[in-house]
């Protein structure tokens, strides 16, 4: 499946998905900074099969259903948070159907000031 990762998705994901998927990023394509409507049109014109993003508001901002590619939305985009969920992300890409939106629960990022680290033992 020809897959393109949004610029908010860590580039490490491209590397670990590469053995199973044909993956590039919007940054590599020269599309960094392109707004959502124009970006979706570029993805369509380049005939990608799947677009992976962390933009949870995309559904509210754009008409996504019936697009000629699938969209996979990640619940988090920080590499430390999503790296343990790569198999689920890969499976979602493989199972994605054109014109659909699939959400993958990858945990969520908590800024360090809100994280509760376990007490250190002496």
C-alpha atoms as a PDB file:
ATOM      1  CA  UNK A   1       0.000   0.000   0.000  1.00  0.00           C
ATOM      2  CA  UNK A   2       1.351   3.422  -0.939  1.00  0.00           C
ATOM      3  CA  UNK A   3       1.276   5.333   2.314  1.00  0.00           C
ATOM      4  CA  UNK A   4       2.097   8.935   3.178  1.00  0.00           C
ATOM      5  CA  UNK A   5       2.693  10.134   6.743  1.00  0.00           C
ATOM      6  CA  UNK A   6       1.617  13.616   7.787  1.00  0.00           C
ATOM      7  CA  UNK A   7       4.312  15.977   9.020  1.00  0.00           C
ATOM      8  CA  UNK A   8       3.128  15.564  12.626  1.00  0.00           C
ATOM      9  CA  UNK A   9       3.867  11.818  12.547  1.00  0.00           C
ATOM     10  CA  UNK A  10       7.419  10.852  13.616  1.00  0.00           C
ATOM     11  CA  UNK A  11       9.751   9.903  10.783  1.00  0.00           C
ATOM     12  CA  UNK A  12      10.831   6.832  12.772  1.00  0.00           C
ATOM     13  CA  UNK A  13       7.444   5.334  11.915  1.00  0.00           C
ATOM     14  CA  UNK A  14       8.324   5.443   8.213  1.00  0.00           C
ATOM     15  CA  UNK A  15      11.472   3.451   8.874  1.00  0.00           C
ATOM     16  CA  UNK A  16       9.794   0.697  10.890  1.00  0.00           C
ATOM     17  CA  UNK A  17       6.848   0.423   8.478  1.00  0.00           C
ATOM     18  CA  UNK A  18       9.052   0.305   5.374  1.00  0.00           C
ATOM     19  CA  UNK A  19       9.594  -3.465   5.269  1.00  0.00           C
ATOM     20  CA  UNK A  20       5.821  -4.062   4.927  1.00  0.00           C
ATOM     21  CA  UNK A  21       4.648  -0.840   3.286  1.00  0.00           C
ATOM     22  CA  UNK A  22       5.709   1.678   0.629  1.00  0.00           C
ATOM     23  CA  UNK A  23       5.927   4.724   2.924  1.00  0.00           C
ATOM     24  CA  UNK A  24       6.931   8.351   2.453  1.00  0.00           C
ATOM     25  CA  UNK A  25       6.217  11.545   4.372  1.00  0.00           C
ATOM     26  CA  UNK A  26       4.679  14.852   3.439  1.00  0.00           C
ATOM     27  CA  UNK A  27       8.007  16.464   4.318  1.00  0.00           C
ATOM     28  CA  UNK A  28       9.912  14.212   1.878  1.00  0.00           C
ATOM     29  CA  UNK A  29       7.328  15.049  -0.770  1.00  0.00           C
ATOM     30  CA  UNK A  30       7.958  18.777  -0.245  1.00  0.00           C
ATOM     31  CA  UNK A  31       4.476  19.272   1.184  1.00  0.00           C
ATOM     32  CA  UNK A  32       5.443  20.473   4.676  1.00  0.00           C
ATOM     33  CA  UNK A  33       3.229  23.368   5.703  1.00  0.00           C
ATOM     34  CA  UNK A  34       0.565  22.641   3.074  1.00  0.00           C
ATOM     35  CA  UNK A  35      -2.896  23.171   4.576  1.00  0.00           C
ATOM     36  CA  UNK A  36      -5.236  20.204   4.985  1.00  0.00           C
ATOM     37  CA  UNK A  37      -7.558  20.809   2.013  1.00  0.00           C
ATOM     38  CA  UNK A  38      -4.680  21.280  -0.428  1.00  0.00           C
ATOM     39  CA  UNK A  39      -2.759  18.395   1.155  1.00  0.00           C
ATOM     40  CA  UNK A  40      -5.658  15.979   0.712  1.00  0.00           C
ATOM     41  CA  UNK A  41      -5.902  17.032  -2.929  1.00  0.00           C
ATOM     42  CA  UNK A  42      -2.157  16.368  -3.440  1.00  0.00           C
ATOM     43  CA  UNK A  43      -2.485  12.938  -1.828  1.00  0.00           C
ATOM     44  CA  UNK A  44      -5.382  12.187  -4.150  1.00  0.00           C
ATOM     45  CA  UNK A  45      -3.511  13.431  -7.246  1.00  0.00           C
ATOM     46  CA  UNK A  46      -0.448  11.319  -6.366  1.00  0.00           C
ATOM     47  CA  UNK A  47      -2.728   8.298  -5.908  1.00  0.00           C
ATOM     48  CA  UNK A  48      -1.679   7.305  -2.430  1.00  0.00           C
ATOM     49  CA  UNK A  49      -3.679   4.518  -0.819  1.00  0.00           C
ATOM     50  CA  UNK A  50      -3.372   5.631   2.829  1.00  0.00           C
ATOM     51  CA  UNK A  51      -2.732   8.894   4.671  1.00  0.00           C
ATOM     52  CA  UNK A  52      -1.567   8.564   8.304  1.00  0.00           C
ATOM     53  CA  UNK A  53      -2.015  11.600  10.541  1.00  0.00           C
ATOM     54  CA  UNK A  54      -2.262  12.613  14.162  1.00  0.00           C
ATOM     55  CA  UNK A  55      -4.679  15.443  13.340  1.00  0.00           C
ATOM     56  CA  UNK A  56      -7.759  14.414  15.287  1.00  0.00           C
ATOM     57  CA  UNK A  57      -9.622  17.527  14.080  1.00  0.00           C
ATOM     58  CA  UNK A  58      -9.237  16.611  10.418  1.00  0.00           C
ATOM     59  CA  UNK A  59     -12.648  14.922  10.368  1.00  0.00           C
ATOM     60  CA  UNK A  60     -14.312  18.102  11.590  1.00  0.00           C
ATOM     61  CA  UNK A  61     -12.457  20.339   9.138  1.00  0.00           C
ATOM     62  CA  UNK A  62     -12.600  18.336   5.910  1.00  0.00           C
ATOM     63  CA  UNK A  63     -14.928  16.003   4.052  1.00  0.00           C
ATOM     64  CA  UNK A  64     -13.051  12.709   4.400  1.00  0.00           C
ATOM     65  CA  UNK A  65     -15.471   9.953   3.546  1.00  0.00           C
ATOM     66  CA  UNK A  66     -15.542   8.768  -0.052  1.00  0.00           C
ATOM     67  CA  UNK A  67     -12.003   9.993  -0.748  1.00  0.00           C
ATOM     68  CA  UNK A  68     -10.038   7.739  -3.117  1.00  0.00           C
ATOM     69  CA  UNK A  69      -7.641   6.885  -0.270  1.00  0.00           C
ATOM     70  CA  UNK A  70      -7.977   5.761   3.336  1.00  0.00           C
ATOM     71  CA  UNK A  71      -7.111   7.864   6.367  1.00  0.00           C
ATOM     72  CA  UNK A  72      -5.590   6.460   9.541  1.00  0.00           C
ATOM     73  CA  UNK A  73      -5.709   8.803  12.538  1.00  0.00           C
ATOM     74  CA  UNK A  74      -3.335   8.128  15.431  1.00  0.00           C
ATOM     75  CA  UNK A  75      -4.368   9.090  18.969  1.00  0.00           C
ATOM     76  CA  UNK A  76      -0.800  10.240  19.703  1.00  0.00           C
ATOM     77  CA  UNK A  77       2.181  11.250  17.592  1.00  0.00           C
ATOM     78  CA  UNK A  78       5.116  11.257  19.981  1.00  0.00           C
ATOM     79  CA  UNK A  79       7.503   8.431  19.035  1.00  0.00           C
ATOM     80  CA  UNK A  80       8.002   7.295  22.643  1.00  0.00           C
ATOM     81  CA  UNK A  81       4.240   6.949  22.933  1.00  0.00           C
ATOM     82  CA  UNK A  82       3.454   5.207  19.632  1.00  0.00           C
ATOM     83  CA  UNK A  83       6.464   2.925  19.120  1.00  0.00           C
ATOM     84  CA  UNK A  84       4.874   0.057  21.055  1.00  0.00           C
ATOM     85  CA  UNK A  85       1.796   0.367  18.832  1.00  0.00           C
ATOM     86  CA  UNK A  86       3.552  -0.066  15.471  1.00  0.00           C
ATOM     87  CA  UNK A  87       1.945  -3.497  14.846  1.00  0.00           C
ATOM     88  CA  UNK A  88      -1.539  -1.994  15.333  1.00  0.00           C
ATOM     89  CA  UNK A  89      -0.674   0.938  13.064  1.00  0.00           C
ATOM     90  CA  UNK A  90       0.680  -1.416  10.401  1.00  0.00           C
ATOM     91  CA  UNK A  91      -2.425  -3.612  10.642  1.00  0.00           C
ATOM     92  CA  UNK A  92      -4.667  -0.537  10.298  1.00  0.00           C
ATOM     93  CA  UNK A  93      -2.791   0.491   7.151  1.00  0.00           C
ATOM     94  CA  UNK A  94      -3.148  -2.988   5.668  1.00  0.00           C
ATOM     95  CA  UNK A  95      -6.856  -3.195   6.488  1.00  0.00           C
ATOM     96  CA  UNK A  96      -7.664   0.376   5.398  1.00  0.00           C
ATOM     97  CA  UNK A  97     -10.287   0.769   2.703  1.00  0.00           C
ATOM     98  CA  UNK A  98     -10.501   3.732   0.365  1.00  0.00           C
ATOM     99  CA  UNK A  99     -12.950   6.377   1.533  1.00  0.00           C
ATOM    100  CA  UNK A 100     -12.774   5.410   5.202  1.00  0.00           C
ATOM    101  CA  UNK A 101     -11.277   6.831   8.373  1.00  0.00           C
ATOM    102  CA  UNK A 102      -9.712   4.441  10.892  1.00  0.00           C
ATOM    103  CA  UNK A 103      -8.626   5.532  14.349  1.00  0.00           C
ATOM    104  CA  UNK A 104      -5.730   3.780  16.072  1.00  0.00           C
ATOM    105  CA  UNK A 105      -5.454   4.058  19.839  1.00  0.00           C
ATOM    106  CA  UNK A 106      -1.774   4.549  20.612  1.00  0.00           C
ATOM    107  CA  UNK A 107      -2.076   5.982  24.078  1.00  0.00           C
ATOM    108  CA  UNK A 108      -1.713   9.667  24.580  1.00  0.00           C
ATOM    109  CA  UNK A 109       1.124  11.989  25.309  1.00  0.00           C
ATOM    110  CA  UNK A 110       1.191  13.619  28.715  1.00  0.00           C
ATOM    111  CA  UNK A 111       3.585  16.508  29.230  1.00  0.00           C
ATOM    112  CA  UNK A 112       6.127  15.663  31.927  1.00  0.00           C
ATOM    113  CA  UNK A 113       4.520  18.028  34.429  1.00  0.00           C
ATOM    114  CA  UNK A 114       1.392  15.806  34.356  1.00  0.00           C
ATOM    115  CA  UNK A 115       3.124  12.406  34.336  1.00  0.00           C
ATOM    116  CA  UNK A 116       3.247  10.382  37.480  1.00  0.00           C
ATOM    117  CA  UNK A 117       6.475   8.471  37.672  1.00  0.00           C
ATOM    118  CA  UNK A 118       6.565   5.539  40.054  1.00  0.00           C
ATOM    119  CA  UNK A 119       8.397   6.211  43.322  1.00  0.00           C
ATOM    120  CA  UNK A 120      12.063   5.333  43.206  1.00  0.00           C
ATOM    121  CA  UNK A 121      13.185   2.509  45.409  1.00  0.00           C
ATOM    122  CA  UNK A 122      16.324   2.923  47.471  1.00  0.00           C
END
